[in-house]
Amino acid sequence: PLMKKYRDTPWDYNEIKLSARQSWDGADVWTPAELCV
């Protein structure tokens, strides 16, 4: 969301960031190994 909020500032030009979020109930989670793909 910070990429959207500050899209007109120089802050975001050097990074692209994607947030990997687990389910709210905590049953469906990400592992770092999965995220590598």
Full PDB file with SEQRES, HELIX, SHEET, SSBOND, CRYST1, ORIGX, SCALE, CONECT and MASTER records, all heavy atoms in Angstrom:
SEQRES   1 A   37  PRO LEU MET LYS LYS TYR ARG ASP THR PRO TRP ASP TYR          
SEQRES   2 A   37  ASN GLU ILE LYS LEU SER ALA ARG GLN SER TRP ASP GLY          
SEQRES   3 A   37  ALA ASP VAL TRP THR PRO ALA GLU LEU CYS VAL                  
HELIX    1 AA1 LEU A    2  LYS A    5  1                                   4    
HELIX    2 AA2 PRO A   10  ASN A   14  5                                   5    
HELIX    3 AA3 PRO A   32  CYS A   36  1                                   5    
CRYST1    1.000    1.000    1.000  90.00  90.00  90.00 P 1           1          
ORIGX1      1.000000  0.000000  0.000000        0.00000                         
ORIGX2      0.000000  1.000000  0.000000        0.00000                         
ORIGX3      0.000000  0.000000  1.000000        0.00000                         
SCALE1      1.000000  0.000000  0.000000        0.00000                         
SCALE2      0.000000  1.000000  0.000000        0.00000                         
SCALE3      0.000000  0.000000  1.000000        0.00000                         
ATOM      1  N   PRO A   1       0.798  -1.234   0.000  1.00  0.00           N  
ATOM      2  CA  PRO A   1       0.000   0.000   0.000  1.00  0.00           C  
ATOM      3  C   PRO A   1       0.832   1.286   0.000  1.00  0.00           C  
ATOM      4  O   PRO A   1       0.383   2.300  -0.509  1.00  0.00           O  
ATOM      5  CB  PRO A   1      -0.845  -0.107   1.269  1.00  0.00           C  
ATOM      6  CG  PRO A   1      -0.240  -1.186   2.083  1.00  0.00           C  
ATOM      7  CD  PRO A   1       0.529  -2.078   1.150  1.00  0.00           C  
ATOM      8  N   LEU A   2       2.042   1.264   0.539  1.00  0.00           N  
ATOM      9  CA  LEU A   2       2.851   2.481   0.539  1.00  0.00           C  
ATOM     10  C   LEU A   2       3.253   2.898  -0.866  1.00  0.00           C  
ATOM     11  O   LEU A   2       3.471   4.077  -1.135  1.00  0.00           O  
ATOM     12  CB  LEU A   2       4.099   2.320   1.405  1.00  0.00           C  
ATOM     13  CG  LEU A   2       3.862   2.327   2.906  1.00  0.00           C  
ATOM     14  CD1 LEU A   2       5.175   2.142   3.643  1.00  0.00           C  
ATOM     15  CD2 LEU A   2       3.182   3.599   3.355  1.00  0.00           C  
ATOM     16  N   MET A   3       3.329   1.944  -1.782  1.00  0.00           N  
ATOM     17  CA  MET A   3       3.636   2.302  -3.165  1.00  0.00           C  
ATOM     18  C   MET A   3       2.512   3.151  -3.731  1.00  0.00           C  
ATOM     19  O   MET A   3       2.738   4.065  -4.509  1.00  0.00           O  
ATOM     20  CB  MET A   3       3.830   1.061  -4.036  1.00  0.00           C  
ATOM     21  CG  MET A   3       5.136   0.353  -3.786  1.00  0.00           C  
ATOM     22  SD  MET A   3       5.446  -0.940  -4.997  1.00  0.00           S  
ATOM     23  CE  MET A   3       5.656   0.015  -6.482  1.00  0.00           C  
ATOM     24  N   LYS A   4       1.293   2.885  -3.335  1.00  0.00           N  
ATOM     25  CA  LYS A   4       0.142   3.653  -3.807  1.00  0.00           C  
ATOM     26  C   LYS A   4       0.060   5.010  -3.109  1.00  0.00           C  
ATOM     27  O   LYS A   4      -0.120   6.032  -3.725  1.00  0.00           O  
ATOM     28  CB  LYS A   4      -1.160   2.902  -3.523  1.00  0.00           C  
ATOM     29  CG  LYS A   4      -1.320   1.656  -4.315  1.00  0.00           C  
ATOM     30  CD  LYS A   4      -1.599   2.035  -5.723  1.00  0.00           C  
ATOM     31  CE  LYS A   4      -2.108   0.854  -6.490  1.00  0.00           C  
ATOM     32  NZ  LYS A   4      -2.317   1.178  -7.866  1.00  0.00           N  
ATOM     33  N   LYS A   5       0.205   4.992  -1.792  1.00  0.00           N  
ATOM     34  CA  LYS A   5       0.021   6.197  -0.998  1.00  0.00           C  
ATOM     35  C   LYS A   5       1.015   7.290  -1.383  1.00  0.00           C  
ATOM     36  O   LYS A   5       0.672   8.462  -1.424  1.00  0.00           O  
ATOM     37  CB  LYS A   5       0.172   5.851   0.479  1.00  0.00           C  
ATOM     38  CG  LYS A   5      -0.137   6.998   1.415  1.00  0.00           C  
ATOM     39  CD  LYS A   5      -0.091   6.532   2.856  1.00  0.00           C  
ATOM     40  CE  LYS A   5      -0.399   7.671   3.791  1.00  0.00           C  
ATOM     41  NZ  LYS A   5      -0.268   7.276   5.185  1.00  0.00           N  
ATOM     42  N   TYR A   6       2.237   6.906  -1.659  1.00  0.00           N  
ATOM     43  CA  TYR A   6       3.279   7.883  -1.919  1.00  0.00           C  
ATOM     44  C   TYR A   6       3.794   7.805  -3.352  1.00  0.00           C  
ATOM     45  O   TYR A   6       4.947   8.043  -3.611  1.00  0.00           O  
ATOM     46  CB  TYR A   6       4.446   7.668  -0.943  1.00  0.00           C  
ATOM     47  CG  TYR A   6       4.034   7.809   0.491  1.00  0.00           C  
ATOM     48  CD1 TYR A   6       3.985   6.703   1.326  1.00  0.00           C  
ATOM     49  CD2 TYR A   6       3.659   9.035   1.002  1.00  0.00           C  
ATOM     50  CE1 TYR A   6       3.578   6.822   2.643  1.00  0.00           C  
ATOM     51  CE2 TYR A   6       3.248   9.166   2.315  1.00  0.00           C  
ATOM     52  CZ  TYR A   6       3.214   8.060   3.133  1.00  0.00           C  
ATOM     53  OH  TYR A   6       2.816   8.174   4.425  1.00  0.00           O  
ATOM     54  N   ARG A   7       2.930   7.481  -4.281  1.00  0.00           N  
ATOM     55  CA  ARG A   7       3.388   7.240  -5.637  1.00  0.00           C  
ATOM     56  C   ARG A   7       4.027   8.447  -6.315  1.00  0.00           C  
ATOM     57  O   ARG A   7       4.759   8.302  -7.265  1.00  0.00           O  
ATOM     58  CB  ARG A   7       2.285   6.676  -6.501  1.00  0.00           C  
ATOM     59  CG  ARG A   7       1.216   7.668  -6.856  1.00  0.00           C  
ATOM     60  CD  ARG A   7       0.265   7.049  -7.860  1.00  0.00           C  
ATOM     61  NE  ARG A   7      -1.035   7.644  -7.660  1.00  0.00           N  
ATOM     62  CZ  ARG A   7      -2.149   6.972  -7.649  1.00  0.00           C  
ATOM     63  NH1 ARG A   7      -2.136   5.689  -7.818  1.00  0.00           N  
ATOM     64  NH2 ARG A   7      -3.282   7.571  -7.475  1.00  0.00           N  
ATOM     65  N   ASP A   8       3.761   9.663  -5.850  1.00  0.00           N  
ATOM     66  CA  ASP A   8       4.336  10.847  -6.476  1.00  0.00           C  
ATOM     67  C   ASP A   8       5.604  11.331  -5.780  1.00  0.00           C  
ATOM     68  O   ASP A   8       6.117  12.393  -6.108  1.00  0.00           O  
ATOM     69  CB  ASP A   8       3.304  11.979  -6.513  1.00  0.00           C  
ATOM     70  CG  ASP A   8       2.111  11.603  -7.390  1.00  0.00           C  
ATOM     71  OD1 ASP A   8       2.329  10.879  -8.374  1.00  0.00           O  
ATOM     72  OD2 ASP A   8       0.994  12.022  -7.082  1.00  0.00           O  
ATOM     73  N   THR A   9       6.089  10.579  -4.813  1.00  0.00           N  
ATOM     74  CA  THR A   9       7.305  10.982  -4.109  1.00  0.00           C  
ATOM     75  C   THR A   9       8.469  10.109  -4.555  1.00  0.00           C  
ATOM     76  O   THR A   9       8.268   8.992  -5.032  1.00  0.00           O  
ATOM     77  CB  THR A   9       7.136  10.836  -2.578  1.00  0.00           C  
ATOM     78  OG1 THR A   9       6.967   9.461  -2.291  1.00  0.00           O  
ATOM     79  CG2 THR A   9       5.950  11.638  -2.069  1.00  0.00           C  
ATOM     80  N   PRO A  10       9.696  10.582  -4.398  1.00  0.00           N  
ATOM     81  CA  PRO A  10      10.857   9.792  -4.805  1.00  0.00           C  
ATOM     82  C   PRO A  10      11.040   8.507  -3.997  1.00  0.00           C  
ATOM     83  O   PRO A  10      11.743   7.616  -4.423  1.00  0.00           O  
ATOM     84  CB  PRO A  10      12.042  10.727  -4.566  1.00  0.00           C  
ATOM     85  CG  PRO A  10      11.466  12.065  -4.330  1.00  0.00           C  
ATOM     86  CD  PRO A  10      10.037  11.891  -3.930  1.00  0.00           C  
ATOM     87  N   TRP A  11      10.387   8.388  -2.832  1.00  0.00           N  
ATOM     88  CA  TRP A  11      10.573   7.238  -1.953  1.00  0.00           C  
ATOM     89  C   TRP A  11      10.388   5.913  -2.686  1.00  0.00           C  
ATOM     90  O   TRP A  11      11.171   4.996  -2.532  1.00  0.00           O  
ATOM     91  CB  TRP A  11       9.595   7.311  -0.783  1.00  0.00           C  
ATOM     92  CG  TRP A  11       9.656   6.104   0.097  1.00  0.00           C  
ATOM     93  CD1 TRP A  11      10.508   5.882   1.129  1.00  0.00           C  
ATOM     94  CD2 TRP A  11       8.861   4.929  -0.009  1.00  0.00           C  
ATOM     95  NE1 TRP A  11      10.295   4.654   1.674  1.00  0.00           N  
ATOM     96  CE2 TRP A  11       9.289   4.041   1.007  1.00  0.00           C  
ATOM     97  CE3 TRP A  11       7.833   4.531  -0.834  1.00  0.00           C  
ATOM     98  CZ2 TRP A  11       8.706   2.801   1.190  1.00  0.00           C  
ATOM     99  CZ3 TRP A  11       7.264   3.289  -0.653  1.00  0.00           C  
ATOM    100  CH2 TRP A  11       7.702   2.447   0.360  1.00  0.00           C  
ATOM    101  N   ASP A  12       9.366   5.817  -3.514  1.00  0.00           N  
ATOM    102  CA  ASP A  12       9.022   4.525  -4.090  1.00  0.00           C  
ATOM    103  C   ASP A  12       9.749   4.203  -5.395  1.00  0.00           C  
ATOM    104  O   ASP A  12       9.629   3.110  -5.906  1.00  0.00           O  
ATOM    105  CB  ASP A  12       7.511   4.402  -4.299  1.00  0.00           C  
ATOM    106  CG  ASP A  12       6.965   5.398  -5.297  1.00  0.00           C  
ATOM    107  OD1 ASP A  12       7.755   6.041  -6.006  1.00  0.00           O  
ATOM    108  OD2 ASP A  12       5.743   5.529  -5.372  1.00  0.00           O  
ATOM    109  N   TYR A  13      10.490   5.125  -5.946  1.00  0.00           N  
ATOM    110  CA  TYR A  13      11.090   4.877  -7.246  1.00  0.00           C  
ATOM    111  C   TYR A  13      12.170   3.803  -7.239  1.00  0.00           C  
ATOM    112  O   TYR A  13      12.451   3.209  -8.261  1.00  0.00           O  
ATOM    113  CB  TYR A  13      11.672   6.163  -7.835  1.00  0.00           C  
ATOM    114  CG  TYR A  13      10.611   7.068  -8.411  1.00  0.00           C  
ATOM    115  CD1 TYR A  13      10.665   8.424  -8.224  1.00  0.00           C  
ATOM    116  CD2 TYR A  13       9.557   6.553  -9.148  1.00  0.00           C  
ATOM    117  CE1 TYR A  13       9.703   9.260  -8.759  1.00  0.00           C  
ATOM    118  CE2 TYR A  13       8.589   7.372  -9.676  1.00  0.00           C  
ATOM    119  CZ  TYR A  13       8.672   8.721  -9.481  1.00  0.00           C  
ATOM    120  OH  TYR A  13       7.714   9.534 -10.005  1.00  0.00           O  
ATOM    121  N   ASN A  14      12.782   3.578  -6.120  1.00  0.00           N  
ATOM    122  CA  ASN A  14      13.885   2.617  -6.103  1.00  0.00           C  
ATOM    123  C   ASN A  14      13.451   1.223  -5.667  1.00  0.00           C  
ATOM    124  O   ASN A  14      14.213   0.284  -5.770  1.00  0.00           O  
ATOM    125  CB  ASN A  14      15.009   3.131  -5.204  1.00  0.00           C  
ATOM    126  CG  ASN A  14      16.365   2.797  -5.768  1.00  0.00           C  
ATOM    127  OD1 ASN A  14      16.527   2.596  -6.961  1.00  0.00           O  
ATOM    128  ND2 ASN A  14      17.344   2.713  -4.898  1.00  0.00           N  
ATOM    129  N   GLU A  15      12.231   1.086  -5.154  1.00  0.00           N  
ATOM    130  CA  GLU A  15      11.766  -0.219  -4.680  1.00  0.00           C  
ATOM    131  C   GLU A  15      10.394  -0.567  -5.241  1.00  0.00           C  
ATOM    132  O   GLU A  15       9.549   0.306  -5.404  1.00  0.00           O  
ATOM    133  CB  GLU A  15      11.666  -0.252  -3.150  1.00  0.00           C  
ATOM    134  CG  GLU A  15      12.947  -0.517  -2.465  1.00  0.00           C  
ATOM    135  CD  GLU A  15      12.781  -0.818  -0.988  1.00  0.00           C  
ATOM    136  OE1 GLU A  15      11.676  -0.681  -0.429  1.00  0.00           O  
ATOM    137  OE2 GLU A  15      13.774  -1.201  -0.382  1.00  0.00           O  
ATOM    138  N   ILE A  16      10.222  -1.835  -5.474  1.00  0.00           N  
ATOM    139  CA  ILE A  16       8.910  -2.412  -5.737  1.00  0.00           C  
ATOM    140  C   ILE A  16       8.698  -3.400  -4.604  1.00  0.00           C  
ATOM    141  O   ILE A  16       9.550  -4.245  -4.337  1.00  0.00           O  
ATOM    142  CB  ILE A  16       8.863  -3.135  -7.101  1.00  0.00           C  
ATOM    143  CG1 ILE A  16       9.093  -2.143  -8.233  1.00  0.00           C  
ATOM    144  CG2 ILE A  16       7.547  -3.894  -7.262  1.00  0.00           C  
ATOM    145  CD1 ILE A  16       9.295  -2.789  -9.585  1.00  0.00           C  
ATOM    146  N   LYS A  17       7.578  -3.255  -3.908  1.00  0.00           N  
ATOM    147  CA  LYS A  17       7.334  -4.099  -2.738  1.00  0.00           C  
ATOM    148  C   LYS A  17       5.967  -4.758  -2.857  1.00  0.00           C  
ATOM    149  O   LYS A  17       4.969  -4.090  -3.128  1.00  0.00           O  
ATOM    150  CB  LYS A  17       7.410  -3.250  -1.469  1.00  0.00           C  
ATOM    151  CG  LYS A  17       7.352  -4.046  -0.194  1.00  0.00           C  
ATOM    152  CD  LYS A  17       7.643  -3.148   1.005  1.00  0.00           C  
ATOM    153  CE  LYS A  17       7.660  -3.917   2.290  1.00  0.00           C  
ATOM    154  NZ  LYS A  17       7.926  -3.046   3.445  1.00  0.00           N  
ATOM    155  N   LEU A  18       5.949  -6.072  -2.669  1.00  0.00           N  
ATOM    156  CA  LEU A  18       4.723  -6.848  -2.678  1.00  0.00           C  
ATOM    157  C   LEU A  18       4.526  -7.444  -1.287  1.00  0.00           C  
ATOM    158  O   LEU A  18       5.455  -8.014  -0.723  1.00  0.00           O  
ATOM    159  CB  LEU A  18       4.817  -7.972  -3.713  1.00  0.00           C  
ATOM    160  CG  LEU A  18       5.184  -7.552  -5.136  1.00  0.00           C  
ATOM    161  CD1 LEU A  18       5.405  -8.783  -6.009  1.00  0.00           C  
ATOM    162  CD2 LEU A  18       4.112  -6.658  -5.724  1.00  0.00           C  
ATOM    163  N   SER A  19       3.337  -7.292  -0.722  1.00  0.00           N  
ATOM    164  CA  SER A  19       3.039  -7.809   0.620  1.00  0.00           C  
ATOM    165  C   SER A  19       2.388  -9.177   0.521  1.00  0.00           C  
ATOM    166  O   SER A  19       1.328  -9.320  -0.095  1.00  0.00           O  
ATOM    167  CB  SER A  19       2.102  -6.857   1.364  1.00  0.00           C  
ATOM    168  OG  SER A  19       2.729  -5.627   1.599  1.00  0.00           O  
ATOM    169  N   ALA A  20       3.024 -10.177   1.117  1.00  0.00           N  
ATOM    170  CA  ALA A  20       2.472 -11.534   1.173  1.00  0.00           C  
ATOM    171  C   ALA A  20       1.738 -11.667   2.495  1.00  0.00           C  
ATOM    172  O   ALA A  20       2.349 -11.664   3.559  1.00  0.00           O  
ATOM    173  CB  ALA A  20       3.595 -12.561   1.063  1.00  0.00           C  
ATOM    174  N   ARG A  21       0.427 -11.764   2.422  1.00  0.00           N  
ATOM    175  CA  ARG A  21      -0.409 -11.761   3.628  1.00  0.00           C  
ATOM    176  C   ARG A  21      -1.059 -13.118   3.844  1.00  0.00           C  
ATOM    177  O   ARG A  21      -1.614 -13.702   2.913  1.00  0.00           O  
ATOM    178  CB  ARG A  21      -1.503 -10.708   3.494  1.00  0.00           C  
ATOM    179  CG  ARG A  21      -0.949  -9.313   3.324  1.00  0.00           C  
ATOM    180  CD  ARG A  21      -2.051  -8.349   3.094  1.00  0.00           C  
ATOM    181  NE  ARG A  21      -1.522  -7.003   2.963  1.00  0.00           N  
ATOM    182  CZ  ARG A  21      -2.210  -5.922   3.244  1.00  0.00           C  
ATOM    183  NH1 ARG A  21      -3.456  -6.010   3.646  1.00  0.00           N  
ATOM    184  NH2 ARG A  21      -1.651  -4.737   3.102  1.00  0.00           N  
ATOM    185  N   GLN A  22      -1.018 -13.575   5.070  1.00  0.00           N  
ATOM    186  CA  GLN A  22      -1.713 -14.809   5.412  1.00  0.00           C  
ATOM    187  C   GLN A  22      -3.200 -14.522   5.548  1.00  0.00           C  
ATOM    188  O   GLN A  22      -3.613 -13.360   5.616  1.00  0.00           O  
ATOM    189  CB  GLN A  22      -1.174 -15.368   6.718  1.00  0.00           C  
ATOM    190  CG  GLN A  22      -1.517 -14.525   7.934  1.00  0.00           C  
ATOM    191  CD  GLN A  22      -1.045 -15.174   9.216  1.00  0.00           C  
ATOM    192  OE1 GLN A  22      -0.292 -16.114   9.203  1.00  0.00           O  
ATOM    193  NE2 GLN A  22      -1.497 -14.657  10.329  1.00  0.00           N  
ATOM    194  N   SER A  23      -3.996 -15.570   5.589  1.00  0.00           N  
ATOM    195  CA  SER A  23      -5.437 -15.390   5.802  1.00  0.00           C  
ATOM    196  C   SER A  23      -5.674 -14.894   7.224  1.00  0.00           C  
ATOM    197  O   SER A  23      -4.871 -15.133   8.128  1.00  0.00           O  
ATOM    198  CB  SER A  23      -6.181 -16.704   5.579  1.00  0.00           C  
ATOM    199  OG  SER A  23      -5.755 -17.681   6.514  1.00  0.00           O  
ATOM    200  N   TRP A  24      -6.776 -14.184   7.408  1.00  0.00           N  
ATOM    201  CA  TRP A  24      -7.093 -13.647   8.739  1.00  0.00           C  
ATOM    202  C   TRP A  24      -7.269 -14.744   9.772  1.00  0.00           C  
ATOM    203  O   TRP A  24      -6.939 -14.571  10.937  1.00  0.00           O  
ATOM    204  CB  TRP A  24      -8.361 -12.803   8.683  1.00  0.00           C  
ATOM    205  CG  TRP A  24      -8.175 -11.469   8.033  1.00  0.00           C  
ATOM    206  CD1 TRP A  24      -6.999 -10.931   7.567  1.00  0.00           C  
ATOM    207  CD2 TRP A  24      -9.179 -10.519   7.755  1.00  0.00           C  
ATOM    208  NE1 TRP A  24      -7.225  -9.703   7.016  1.00  0.00           N  
ATOM    209  CE2 TRP A  24      -8.571  -9.420   7.117  1.00  0.00           C  
ATOM    210  CE3 TRP A  24     -10.549 -10.475   7.968  1.00  0.00           C  
ATOM    211  CZ2 TRP A  24      -9.269  -8.299   6.713  1.00  0.00           C  
ATOM    212  CZ3 TRP A  24     -11.240  -9.355   7.556  1.00  0.00           C  
ATOM    213  CH2 TRP A  24     -10.614  -8.280   6.939  1.00  0.00           C  
ATOM    214  N   ASP A  25      -7.787 -15.895   9.330  1.00  0.00           N  
ATOM    215  CA  ASP A  25      -7.984 -16.975  10.301  1.00  0.00           C  
ATOM    216  C   ASP A  25      -6.679 -17.716  10.605  1.00  0.00           C  
ATOM    217  O   ASP A  25      -6.638 -18.590  11.457  1.00  0.00           O  
ATOM    218  CB  ASP A  25      -9.068 -17.945   9.824  1.00  0.00           C  
ATOM    219  CG  ASP A  25      -8.690 -18.732   8.574  1.00  0.00           C  
ATOM    220  OD1 ASP A  25      -7.528 -18.646   8.107  1.00  0.00           O  
ATOM    221  OD2 ASP A  25      -9.579 -19.438   8.042  1.00  0.00           O  
ATOM    222  N   GLY A  26      -5.591 -17.369   9.919  1.00  0.00           N  
ATOM    223  CA  GLY A  26      -4.286 -17.966  10.198  1.00  0.00           C  
ATOM    224  C   GLY A  26      -4.102 -19.376   9.658  1.00  0.00           C  
ATOM    225  O   GLY A  26      -3.068 -20.000   9.883  1.00  0.00           O  
ATOM    226  N   ALA A  27      -5.080 -19.863   8.914  1.00  0.00           N  
ATOM    227  CA  ALA A  27      -4.991 -21.229   8.407  1.00  0.00           C  
ATOM    228  C   ALA A  27      -4.215 -21.324   7.086  1.00  0.00           C  
ATOM    229  O   ALA A  27      -3.675 -22.374   6.762  1.00  0.00           O  
ATOM    230  CB  ALA A  27      -6.399 -21.799   8.222  1.00  0.00           C  
ATOM    231  N   ASP A  28      -4.177 -20.234   6.334  1.00  0.00           N  
ATOM    232  CA  ASP A  28      -3.526 -20.243   5.012  1.00  0.00           C  
ATOM    233  C   ASP A  28      -2.361 -19.253   5.061  1.00  0.00           C  
ATOM    234  O   ASP A  28      -2.563 -18.049   4.941  1.00  0.00           O  
ATOM    235  CB  ASP A  28      -4.538 -19.859   3.931  1.00  0.00           C  
ATOM    236  CG  ASP A  28      -4.108 -20.269   2.538  1.00  0.00           C  
ATOM    237  OD1 ASP A  28      -3.101 -20.992   2.399  1.00  0.00           O  
ATOM    238  OD2 ASP A  28      -4.788 -19.862   1.579  1.00  0.00           O  
ATOM    239  N   VAL A  29      -1.164 -19.782   5.264  1.00  0.00           N  
ATOM    240  CA  VAL A  29       0.007 -18.923   5.485  1.00  0.00           C  
ATOM    241  C   VAL A  29       1.062 -19.138   4.402  1.00  0.00           C  
ATOM    242  O   VAL A  29       1.070 -20.150   3.711  1.00  0.00           O  
ATOM    243  CB  VAL A  29       0.635 -19.166   6.880  1.00  0.00           C  
ATOM    244  CG1 VAL A  29      -0.354 -18.863   7.984  1.00  0.00           C  
ATOM    245  CG2 VAL A  29       1.153 -20.592   7.001  1.00  0.00           C  
ATOM    246  N   TRP A  30       1.953 -18.176   4.271  1.00  0.00           N  
ATOM    247  CA  TRP A  30       3.084 -18.258   3.359  1.00  0.00           C  
ATOM    248  C   TRP A  30       4.322 -18.704   4.121  1.00  0.00           C  
ATOM    249  O   TRP A  30       4.470 -18.372   5.288  1.00  0.00           O  
ATOM    250  CB  TRP A  30       3.389 -16.884   2.748  1.00  0.00           C  
ATOM    251  CG  TRP A  30       2.341 -16.381   1.825  1.00  0.00           C  
ATOM    252  CD1 TRP A  30       1.375 -15.468   2.114  1.00  0.00           C  
ATOM    253  CD2 TRP A  30       2.155 -16.744   0.465  1.00  0.00           C  
ATOM    254  NE1 TRP A  30       0.595 -15.247   1.012  1.00  0.00           N  
ATOM    255  CE2 TRP A  30       1.064 -16.014  -0.021  1.00  0.00           C  
ATOM    256  CE3 TRP A  30       2.816 -17.615  -0.396  1.00  0.00           C  
ATOM    257  CZ2 TRP A  30       0.600 -16.129  -1.327  1.00  0.00           C  
ATOM    258  CZ3 TRP A  30       2.359 -17.728  -1.705  1.00  0.00           C  
ATOM    259  CH2 TRP A  30       1.271 -16.986  -2.154  1.00  0.00           C  
ATOM    260  N   THR A  31       5.192 -19.405   3.442  1.00  0.00           N  
ATOM    261  CA  THR A  31       6.517 -19.677   3.989  1.00  0.00           C  
ATOM    262  C   THR A  31       7.524 -18.972   3.078  1.00  0.00           C  
ATOM    263  O   THR A  31       7.251 -18.768   1.885  1.00  0.00           O  
ATOM    264  CB  THR A  31       6.831 -21.182   4.009  1.00  0.00           C  
ATOM    265  OG1 THR A  31       6.923 -21.666   2.664  1.00  0.00           O  
ATOM    266  CG2 THR A  31       5.778 -21.959   4.805  1.00  0.00           C  
ATOM    267  N   PRO A  32       8.682 -18.593   3.612  1.00  0.00           N  
ATOM    268  CA  PRO A  32       9.685 -17.955   2.764  1.00  0.00           C  
ATOM    269  C   PRO A  32      10.071 -18.818   1.563  1.00  0.00           C  
ATOM    270  O   PRO A  32      10.259 -18.300   0.459  1.00  0.00           O  
ATOM    271  CB  PRO A  32      10.868 -17.748   3.709  1.00  0.00           C  
ATOM    272  CG  PRO A  32      10.237 -17.626   5.066  1.00  0.00           C  
ATOM    273  CD  PRO A  32       9.074 -18.590   5.024  1.00  0.00           C  
ATOM    274  N   ALA A  33      10.144 -20.135   1.747  1.00  0.00           N  
ATOM    275  CA  ALA A  33      10.510 -21.022   0.632  1.00  0.00           C  
ATOM    276  C   ALA A  33       9.482 -20.943  -0.493  1.00  0.00           C  
ATOM    277  O   ALA A  33       9.841 -20.913  -1.671  1.00  0.00           O  
ATOM    278  CB  ALA A  33      10.655 -22.455   1.126  1.00  0.00           C  
ATOM    279  N   GLU A  34       8.201 -20.904  -0.145  1.00  0.00           N  
ATOM    280  CA  GLU A  34       7.155 -20.782  -1.164  1.00  0.00           C  
ATOM    281  C   GLU A  34       7.288 -19.460  -1.919  1.00  0.00           C  
ATOM    282  O   GLU A  34       7.126 -19.403  -3.130  1.00  0.00           O  
ATOM    283  CB  GLU A  34       5.766 -20.830  -0.529  1.00  0.00           C  
ATOM    284  CG  GLU A  34       5.352 -22.177  -0.034  1.00  0.00           C  
ATOM    285  CD  GLU A  34       4.037 -22.116   0.708  1.00  0.00           C  
ATOM    286  OE1 GLU A  34       3.871 -21.263   1.596  1.00  0.00           O  
ATOM    287  OE2 GLU A  34       3.165 -22.945   0.381  1.00  0.00           O  
ATOM    288  N   LEU A  35       7.578 -18.406  -1.191  1.00  0.00           N  
ATOM    289  CA  LEU A  35       7.640 -17.082  -1.799  1.00  0.00           C  
ATOM    290  C   LEU A  35       8.797 -16.923  -2.774  1.00  0.00           C  
ATOM    291  O   LEU A  35       8.751 -16.062  -3.654  1.00  0.00           O  
ATOM    292  CB  LEU A  35       7.711 -16.006  -0.711  1.00  0.00           C  
ATOM    293  CG  LEU A  35       6.414 -15.850   0.082  1.00  0.00           C  
ATOM    294  CD1 LEU A  35       6.625 -14.922   1.271  1.00  0.00           C  
ATOM    295  CD2 LEU A  35       5.289 -15.341  -0.810  1.00  0.00           C  
ATOM    296  N   CYS A  36       9.806 -17.751  -2.652  1.00  0.00           N  
ATOM    297  CA  CYS A  36      10.951 -17.661  -3.572  1.00  0.00           C  
ATOM    298  C   CYS A  36      10.523 -17.908  -5.015  1.00  0.00           C  
ATOM    299  O   CYS A  36      11.029 -17.259  -5.936  1.00  0.00           O  
ATOM    300  CB  CYS A  36      12.057 -18.629  -3.159  1.00  0.00           C  
ATOM    301  SG  CYS A  36      12.900 -18.106  -1.662  1.00  0.00           S  
ATOM    302  N   VAL A  37       9.586 -18.820  -5.242  1.00  0.00           N  
ATOM    303  CA  VAL A  37       9.081 -19.084  -6.596  1.00  0.00           C  
ATOM    304  C   VAL A  37       8.405 -17.829  -7.144  1.00  0.00           C  
ATOM    305  O   VAL A  37       8.630 -17.427  -8.281  1.00  0.00           O  
ATOM    306  CB  VAL A  37       8.087 -20.265  -6.586  1.00  0.00           C  
ATOM    307  CG1 VAL A  37       7.402 -20.430  -7.929  1.00  0.00           C  
ATOM    308  CG2 VAL A  37       8.779 -21.544  -6.163  1.00  0.00           C  
TER     309      VAL A  37                                                      
MASTER        0    0    0    3    0    0    0    6  308    1    0    3          
END                                                                             
